[in-house]
N, C-alpha and C. Protein backbone atom coordinates (compact mmCIF):
# COMPACT_ATOMS: atom_id res chain seq x y z
N MET A 1 -37.43 16.74 1.44
CA MET A 1 -37.46 15.48 0.68
C MET A 1 -36.24 15.49 -0.32
N ALA A 2 -35.57 14.40 -0.40
CA ALA A 2 -34.49 14.25 -1.32
C ALA A 2 -34.98 14.05 -2.69
N SER A 3 -34.18 14.64 -3.66
CA SER A 3 -34.53 14.54 -5.13
C SER A 3 -34.17 13.14 -5.58
N LEU A 4 -34.92 12.62 -6.55
CA LEU A 4 -34.58 11.28 -7.17
C LEU A 4 -34.12 11.60 -8.47
N PHE A 5 -33.10 10.81 -8.88
CA PHE A 5 -32.48 10.91 -10.16
C PHE A 5 -32.41 9.50 -10.80
N PRO A 6 -33.53 8.99 -11.43
CA PRO A 6 -33.53 7.53 -11.80
C PRO A 6 -32.49 7.35 -12.95
N ARG A 7 -32.18 8.31 -13.76
CA ARG A 7 -31.19 8.09 -14.82
C ARG A 7 -29.74 7.94 -14.20
N ASP A 8 -29.45 8.68 -13.11
CA ASP A 8 -28.23 8.51 -12.45
C ASP A 8 -28.04 7.12 -11.96
N ALA A 9 -29.15 6.60 -11.37
CA ALA A 9 -29.05 5.24 -10.83
C ALA A 9 -28.87 4.20 -11.94
N GLN A 10 -29.45 4.44 -12.98
CA GLN A 10 -29.28 3.59 -14.17
C GLN A 10 -27.83 3.57 -14.63
N LEU A 11 -27.24 4.65 -14.68
CA LEU A 11 -25.88 4.83 -15.19
C LEU A 11 -24.79 4.52 -14.09
N ASN A 12 -25.31 4.39 -12.87
CA ASN A 12 -24.43 3.99 -11.75
C ASN A 12 -23.45 5.10 -11.51
N LEU A 13 -24.06 6.37 -11.62
CA LEU A 13 -23.14 7.51 -11.29
C LEU A 13 -23.04 7.69 -9.75
N PRO A 14 -21.80 8.07 -9.29
CA PRO A 14 -21.68 8.34 -7.84
C PRO A 14 -22.51 9.40 -7.32
N ALA A 15 -22.83 9.32 -6.05
CA ALA A 15 -23.67 10.41 -5.48
C ALA A 15 -22.93 11.63 -5.19
N ARG A 16 -21.58 11.64 -5.07
CA ARG A 16 -20.79 12.89 -4.82
C ARG A 16 -20.66 13.67 -5.96
N GLY A 17 -20.82 13.23 -7.13
CA GLY A 17 -20.63 14.07 -8.33
C GLY A 17 -19.24 13.96 -8.93
N TYR A 18 -18.38 13.17 -8.31
CA TYR A 18 -17.14 12.94 -8.89
C TYR A 18 -16.99 11.54 -9.45
N SER A 19 -16.39 11.29 -10.45
CA SER A 19 -16.34 9.91 -11.15
C SER A 19 -15.74 8.93 -10.23
N HIS A 20 -15.94 7.67 -10.50
CA HIS A 20 -15.42 6.57 -9.62
C HIS A 20 -13.96 6.59 -9.86
N ARG A 21 -13.47 6.85 -11.12
CA ARG A 21 -12.03 6.90 -11.37
C ARG A 21 -11.37 7.89 -10.57
N LEU A 22 -11.99 9.10 -10.48
CA LEU A 22 -11.35 10.23 -9.85
C LEU A 22 -11.35 9.94 -8.23
N GLN A 23 -12.45 9.37 -7.72
CA GLN A 23 -12.48 9.12 -6.35
C GLN A 23 -11.40 7.87 -6.01
N LYS A 24 -11.23 6.98 -6.88
CA LYS A 24 -10.24 5.97 -6.69
C LYS A 24 -8.77 6.58 -6.63
N ARG A 25 -8.50 7.53 -7.57
CA ARG A 25 -7.29 8.21 -7.67
C ARG A 25 -7.06 9.04 -6.39
N VAL A 26 -8.09 9.76 -5.90
CA VAL A 26 -7.95 10.54 -4.68
C VAL A 26 -7.66 9.59 -3.57
N ALA A 27 -8.34 8.53 -3.38
CA ALA A 27 -8.13 7.60 -2.21
C ALA A 27 -6.78 6.95 -2.26
N ALA A 28 -6.23 6.64 -3.38
CA ALA A 28 -4.86 6.04 -3.52
C ALA A 28 -3.86 7.06 -3.11
N LYS A 29 -4.01 8.38 -3.50
CA LYS A 29 -3.09 9.47 -3.21
C LYS A 29 -3.13 9.80 -1.65
N ALA A 30 -4.37 9.78 -1.11
CA ALA A 30 -4.48 10.11 0.23
C ALA A 30 -3.79 9.03 1.26
N ALA A 31 -3.54 7.93 0.71
CA ALA A 31 -2.79 6.95 1.55
C ALA A 31 -1.23 7.43 1.71
N ARG A 32 -0.88 8.30 0.75
CA ARG A 32 0.61 8.69 0.85
C ARG A 32 0.79 10.15 1.15
N LEU A 33 -0.30 11.03 0.81
CA LEU A 33 -0.09 12.34 0.91
C LEU A 33 -1.05 13.04 1.83
N SER A 34 -0.92 14.21 2.13
CA SER A 34 -1.97 14.99 2.88
C SER A 34 -3.02 15.34 1.99
N CYS A 35 -4.11 15.81 2.57
CA CYS A 35 -5.31 16.19 1.78
C CYS A 35 -5.01 17.38 0.94
N GLU A 36 -4.34 18.34 1.40
CA GLU A 36 -3.99 19.57 0.57
C GLU A 36 -3.07 19.11 -0.56
N ALA A 37 -2.09 18.19 -0.37
CA ALA A 37 -1.20 17.72 -1.54
C ALA A 37 -2.06 16.93 -2.43
N VAL A 38 -3.02 16.11 -2.02
CA VAL A 38 -3.87 15.32 -2.88
C VAL A 38 -4.57 16.25 -3.78
N ALA A 39 -5.20 17.34 -3.23
CA ALA A 39 -6.03 18.28 -4.02
C ALA A 39 -5.22 19.02 -5.07
N ARG A 40 -3.87 19.45 -4.60
CA ARG A 40 -3.04 20.01 -5.55
C ARG A 40 -2.71 19.10 -6.79
N ASP A 41 -2.28 17.82 -6.43
CA ASP A 41 -1.97 16.85 -7.41
C ASP A 41 -3.17 16.59 -8.37
N ILE A 42 -4.24 16.39 -7.83
CA ILE A 42 -5.47 16.00 -8.66
C ILE A 42 -5.69 17.30 -9.63
N GLU A 43 -5.59 18.53 -9.11
CA GLU A 43 -5.86 19.76 -9.95
C GLU A 43 -4.77 19.72 -11.02
N THR A 44 -3.50 19.49 -10.68
CA THR A 44 -2.44 19.47 -11.69
C THR A 44 -2.67 18.45 -12.74
N GLU A 45 -3.11 17.40 -12.38
CA GLU A 45 -3.28 16.10 -13.31
C GLU A 45 -4.53 16.12 -14.11
N THR A 46 -5.69 16.66 -13.53
CA THR A 46 -6.91 16.53 -14.17
C THR A 46 -7.58 17.80 -14.38
N SER A 47 -7.16 18.98 -13.91
CA SER A 47 -7.88 20.30 -13.85
C SER A 47 -9.10 20.27 -13.01
N VAL A 48 -9.33 19.31 -12.28
CA VAL A 48 -10.54 19.24 -11.37
C VAL A 48 -10.05 19.82 -10.17
N ARG A 49 -10.78 20.91 -9.65
CA ARG A 49 -10.42 21.54 -8.43
C ARG A 49 -11.18 20.96 -7.31
N LEU A 50 -10.44 20.35 -6.32
CA LEU A 50 -11.08 19.84 -5.11
C LEU A 50 -10.66 20.66 -3.89
N GLY A 51 -11.47 20.80 -2.98
CA GLY A 51 -11.00 21.41 -1.61
C GLY A 51 -10.61 20.28 -0.68
N LYS A 52 -10.07 20.64 0.41
CA LYS A 52 -9.59 19.69 1.37
C LYS A 52 -10.75 18.91 1.93
N ALA A 53 -11.84 19.63 2.17
CA ALA A 53 -13.17 18.97 2.73
C ALA A 53 -13.55 17.89 1.74
N GLN A 54 -13.50 18.16 0.43
CA GLN A 54 -14.01 17.25 -0.61
C GLN A 54 -13.18 16.05 -0.60
N VAL A 55 -11.90 16.27 -0.51
CA VAL A 55 -10.86 15.13 -0.44
C VAL A 55 -11.13 14.30 0.79
N GLU A 56 -11.36 14.90 1.91
CA GLU A 56 -11.63 14.14 3.13
C GLU A 56 -12.97 13.42 2.98
N GLN A 57 -13.97 13.89 2.32
CA GLN A 57 -15.27 13.27 2.18
C GLN A 57 -15.14 11.94 1.30
N ILE A 58 -14.32 12.16 0.16
CA ILE A 58 -14.11 11.08 -0.79
C ILE A 58 -13.24 9.99 0.10
N VAL A 59 -12.28 10.21 0.79
CA VAL A 59 -11.51 9.31 1.43
C VAL A 59 -12.31 8.61 2.50
N ASN A 60 -13.24 9.44 3.23
CA ASN A 60 -14.03 8.80 4.35
C ASN A 60 -14.99 7.74 3.51
N GLY A 61 -15.58 8.14 2.38
CA GLY A 61 -16.39 7.35 1.74
C GLY A 61 -15.85 6.03 1.20
N ALA A 62 -14.56 6.16 0.81
CA ALA A 62 -13.82 5.01 0.32
C ALA A 62 -13.54 4.03 1.39
N ALA A 63 -13.26 4.61 2.60
CA ALA A 63 -12.98 3.76 3.79
C ALA A 63 -14.17 3.27 4.66
N GLN A 64 -15.40 3.64 4.31
CA GLN A 64 -16.55 3.30 5.19
C GLN A 64 -16.89 1.87 5.21
N ASP A 65 -16.54 0.98 4.15
CA ASP A 65 -16.77 -0.39 4.16
C ASP A 65 -15.57 -1.12 4.52
N PHE A 66 -14.48 -0.53 5.04
CA PHE A 66 -13.23 -1.25 5.43
C PHE A 66 -13.60 -2.22 6.44
N ASP A 67 -14.11 -1.97 7.56
CA ASP A 67 -14.40 -2.86 8.64
C ASP A 67 -15.35 -3.98 8.11
N ALA A 68 -16.43 -3.67 7.37
CA ALA A 68 -17.28 -4.71 6.88
C ALA A 68 -16.51 -5.66 5.95
N PHE A 69 -15.49 -5.20 5.21
CA PHE A 69 -14.78 -6.13 4.42
C PHE A 69 -14.12 -7.17 5.23
N TYR A 70 -13.50 -6.72 6.27
CA TYR A 70 -12.73 -7.77 7.03
C TYR A 70 -13.54 -8.55 8.00
N VAL A 71 -14.86 -8.10 8.14
CA VAL A 71 -15.69 -9.05 9.04
C VAL A 71 -16.27 -10.24 8.25
N GLN A 72 -16.20 -10.06 6.80
CA GLN A 72 -16.79 -11.05 6.13
C GLN A 72 -16.03 -12.43 6.27
N PRO A 73 -16.70 -13.53 6.29
CA PRO A 73 -15.93 -14.75 6.44
C PRO A 73 -15.29 -15.10 5.15
N CYS A 74 -14.17 -15.84 5.30
CA CYS A 74 -13.48 -16.30 4.22
C CYS A 74 -14.14 -17.46 3.59
N PRO A 75 -14.17 -17.64 2.23
CA PRO A 75 -14.86 -18.75 1.70
C PRO A 75 -14.09 -20.08 2.13
N PRO A 76 -14.98 -21.23 2.42
CA PRO A 76 -14.40 -22.42 2.89
C PRO A 76 -13.24 -22.95 1.97
N GLN A 77 -13.30 -22.80 0.64
CA GLN A 77 -12.29 -23.44 -0.20
C GLN A 77 -10.98 -22.69 0.00
N LEU A 78 -11.07 -21.34 0.16
CA LEU A 78 -9.77 -20.54 0.40
C LEU A 78 -9.22 -20.91 1.72
N GLN A 79 -10.12 -21.05 2.80
CA GLN A 79 -9.56 -21.50 4.12
C GLN A 79 -8.90 -22.84 4.01
N GLN A 80 -9.42 -23.77 3.42
CA GLN A 80 -8.86 -25.11 3.27
C GLN A 80 -7.42 -24.98 2.47
N SER A 81 -7.54 -24.19 1.43
CA SER A 81 -6.28 -24.02 0.62
C SER A 81 -5.10 -23.40 1.50
N ALA A 82 -5.54 -22.40 2.23
CA ALA A 82 -4.61 -21.71 3.11
C ALA A 82 -3.99 -22.54 4.25
N GLN A 83 -4.85 -23.34 4.89
CA GLN A 83 -4.50 -24.20 5.89
C GLN A 83 -3.71 -25.28 5.50
N SER A 84 -3.73 -25.75 4.23
CA SER A 84 -3.02 -27.00 3.75
C SER A 84 -1.66 -26.59 3.37
N LYS A 85 -1.30 -25.38 3.27
CA LYS A 85 0.03 -24.89 2.79
C LYS A 85 0.86 -24.49 4.06
N PRO A 86 2.24 -24.69 3.91
CA PRO A 86 3.07 -24.16 5.08
C PRO A 86 3.08 -22.59 5.10
N ILE A 87 3.29 -22.05 6.15
CA ILE A 87 3.40 -20.67 6.36
C ILE A 87 4.88 -20.25 6.05
N GLN A 88 4.97 -19.21 5.22
CA GLN A 88 6.35 -18.73 4.91
C GLN A 88 6.46 -17.38 5.44
N VAL A 89 7.43 -17.14 6.25
CA VAL A 89 7.72 -15.81 6.96
C VAL A 89 8.99 -15.24 6.43
N LEU A 90 8.96 -13.99 6.05
CA LEU A 90 10.12 -13.37 5.63
C LEU A 90 10.35 -12.10 6.47
N THR A 91 11.61 -11.88 6.83
CA THR A 91 11.94 -10.65 7.58
C THR A 91 12.96 -9.80 6.83
N PHE A 92 12.89 -8.56 6.82
CA PHE A 92 13.83 -7.70 6.21
C PHE A 92 14.30 -6.63 7.20
N ASP A 93 15.52 -6.52 7.33
CA ASP A 93 16.12 -5.48 8.20
C ASP A 93 16.94 -4.37 7.62
N GLY A 94 17.22 -4.63 6.32
CA GLY A 94 17.89 -3.60 5.49
C GLY A 94 19.47 -3.59 5.73
N LYS A 95 19.95 -4.64 6.52
CA LYS A 95 21.36 -4.79 6.84
C LYS A 95 22.08 -5.66 5.72
N GLY A 96 21.40 -6.25 4.77
CA GLY A 96 22.15 -7.07 3.88
C GLY A 96 22.12 -8.53 4.39
N VAL A 97 22.90 -9.40 3.69
CA VAL A 97 22.95 -10.78 3.97
C VAL A 97 24.08 -10.92 4.98
N VAL A 98 23.67 -11.63 6.17
CA VAL A 98 24.72 -11.95 7.18
C VAL A 98 25.56 -13.01 6.69
N MET A 99 26.88 -12.81 6.88
CA MET A 99 27.93 -13.75 6.33
C MET A 99 28.63 -14.32 7.57
N ARG A 100 28.65 -15.59 7.65
CA ARG A 100 29.41 -16.25 8.64
C ARG A 100 30.95 -16.34 8.32
N LYS A 101 31.74 -15.98 9.15
CA LYS A 101 33.21 -15.97 8.81
C LYS A 101 33.73 -17.23 8.38
N GLU A 102 33.26 -18.34 8.93
CA GLU A 102 33.78 -19.68 8.59
C GLU A 102 33.39 -20.09 7.14
N ALA A 103 32.25 -19.45 6.65
CA ALA A 103 31.73 -19.93 5.38
C ALA A 103 32.30 -18.94 4.31
N LEU A 104 33.12 -17.98 4.59
CA LEU A 104 33.66 -17.10 3.51
C LEU A 104 34.71 -17.97 2.65
N ARG A 105 34.83 -17.57 1.43
CA ARG A 105 35.81 -18.09 0.58
C ARG A 105 37.24 -17.42 0.95
N VAL A 106 38.22 -18.08 0.58
CA VAL A 106 39.53 -17.56 0.97
C VAL A 106 39.87 -16.30 0.37
N SER A 107 39.42 -16.12 -0.91
CA SER A 107 39.65 -14.76 -1.67
C SER A 107 38.82 -13.68 -0.97
N ASP A 108 37.54 -14.00 -0.46
CA ASP A 108 36.91 -12.99 0.27
C ASP A 108 37.51 -12.48 1.52
N CYS A 109 38.00 -13.61 2.20
CA CYS A 109 38.68 -13.30 3.55
C CYS A 109 39.89 -12.45 3.30
N VAL A 110 40.67 -12.69 2.35
CA VAL A 110 41.83 -11.86 1.97
C VAL A 110 41.46 -10.48 1.61
N LYS A 111 40.47 -10.34 0.78
CA LYS A 111 39.99 -8.93 0.41
C LYS A 111 39.54 -8.19 1.66
N MET A 112 38.85 -8.90 2.65
CA MET A 112 38.29 -8.21 3.82
C MET A 112 39.51 -7.84 4.75
N LEU A 113 40.35 -8.72 4.83
CA LEU A 113 41.53 -8.50 5.66
C LEU A 113 42.37 -7.30 5.10
N TRP A 114 42.45 -7.28 3.78
CA TRP A 114 43.26 -6.20 3.18
C TRP A 114 42.57 -4.83 3.36
N ASN A 115 41.20 -4.81 3.27
CA ASN A 115 40.45 -3.60 3.42
C ASN A 115 40.16 -3.36 5.02
N GLY A 116 40.56 -4.17 5.91
CA GLY A 116 40.32 -3.84 7.24
C GLY A 116 38.97 -4.09 7.61
N ARG A 117 38.13 -4.97 7.02
CA ARG A 117 36.71 -5.09 7.31
C ARG A 117 36.44 -6.47 7.92
N PHE A 118 37.37 -7.21 8.31
CA PHE A 118 37.04 -8.53 8.65
C PHE A 118 36.32 -8.63 9.93
N GLU A 119 36.49 -7.61 10.87
CA GLU A 119 35.74 -7.57 12.05
C GLU A 119 34.24 -7.48 11.87
N ASN A 120 33.83 -6.86 10.77
CA ASN A 120 32.31 -6.76 10.49
C ASN A 120 31.84 -7.82 9.67
N ALA A 121 32.52 -8.97 9.39
CA ALA A 121 32.13 -9.91 8.47
C ALA A 121 30.93 -10.68 9.04
N GLY A 122 30.74 -10.69 10.37
CA GLY A 122 29.59 -11.34 10.82
C GLY A 122 28.24 -10.59 10.77
N GLY A 123 28.32 -9.40 10.38
CA GLY A 123 27.04 -8.55 10.29
C GLY A 123 27.17 -7.55 9.20
N ALA A 124 26.34 -6.47 9.21
CA ALA A 124 26.32 -5.40 8.22
C ALA A 124 27.56 -4.50 8.39
N GLU A 125 27.96 -3.97 7.32
CA GLU A 125 29.02 -2.96 7.41
C GLU A 125 28.54 -1.63 7.83
């Protein structure tokens, strides 16, 4: 039979024994780092020693309502607001701004010709 801790329920203490703040920090770090690295970082920052298994339990607990969150219907007001606005799509390729040769200023063309880069003026260098 499981033990009951009514005071813990009143205080909204987490069942795992780690504070909500610590669990949030662990989950955020786990998105970028391995479980071992998360445990090392947490120990360095807070002096709380966590094992790999504890980090995995915290991360699994944080992600357990992920699917339920996305299954929830969107509120009607938000749907109407989103559908009434145009869609804006941005793409990034890391190549910089593509310049059309015919749109370059004369001074820029001269500089590019001088540096031998005019062949690449239509794309990234």
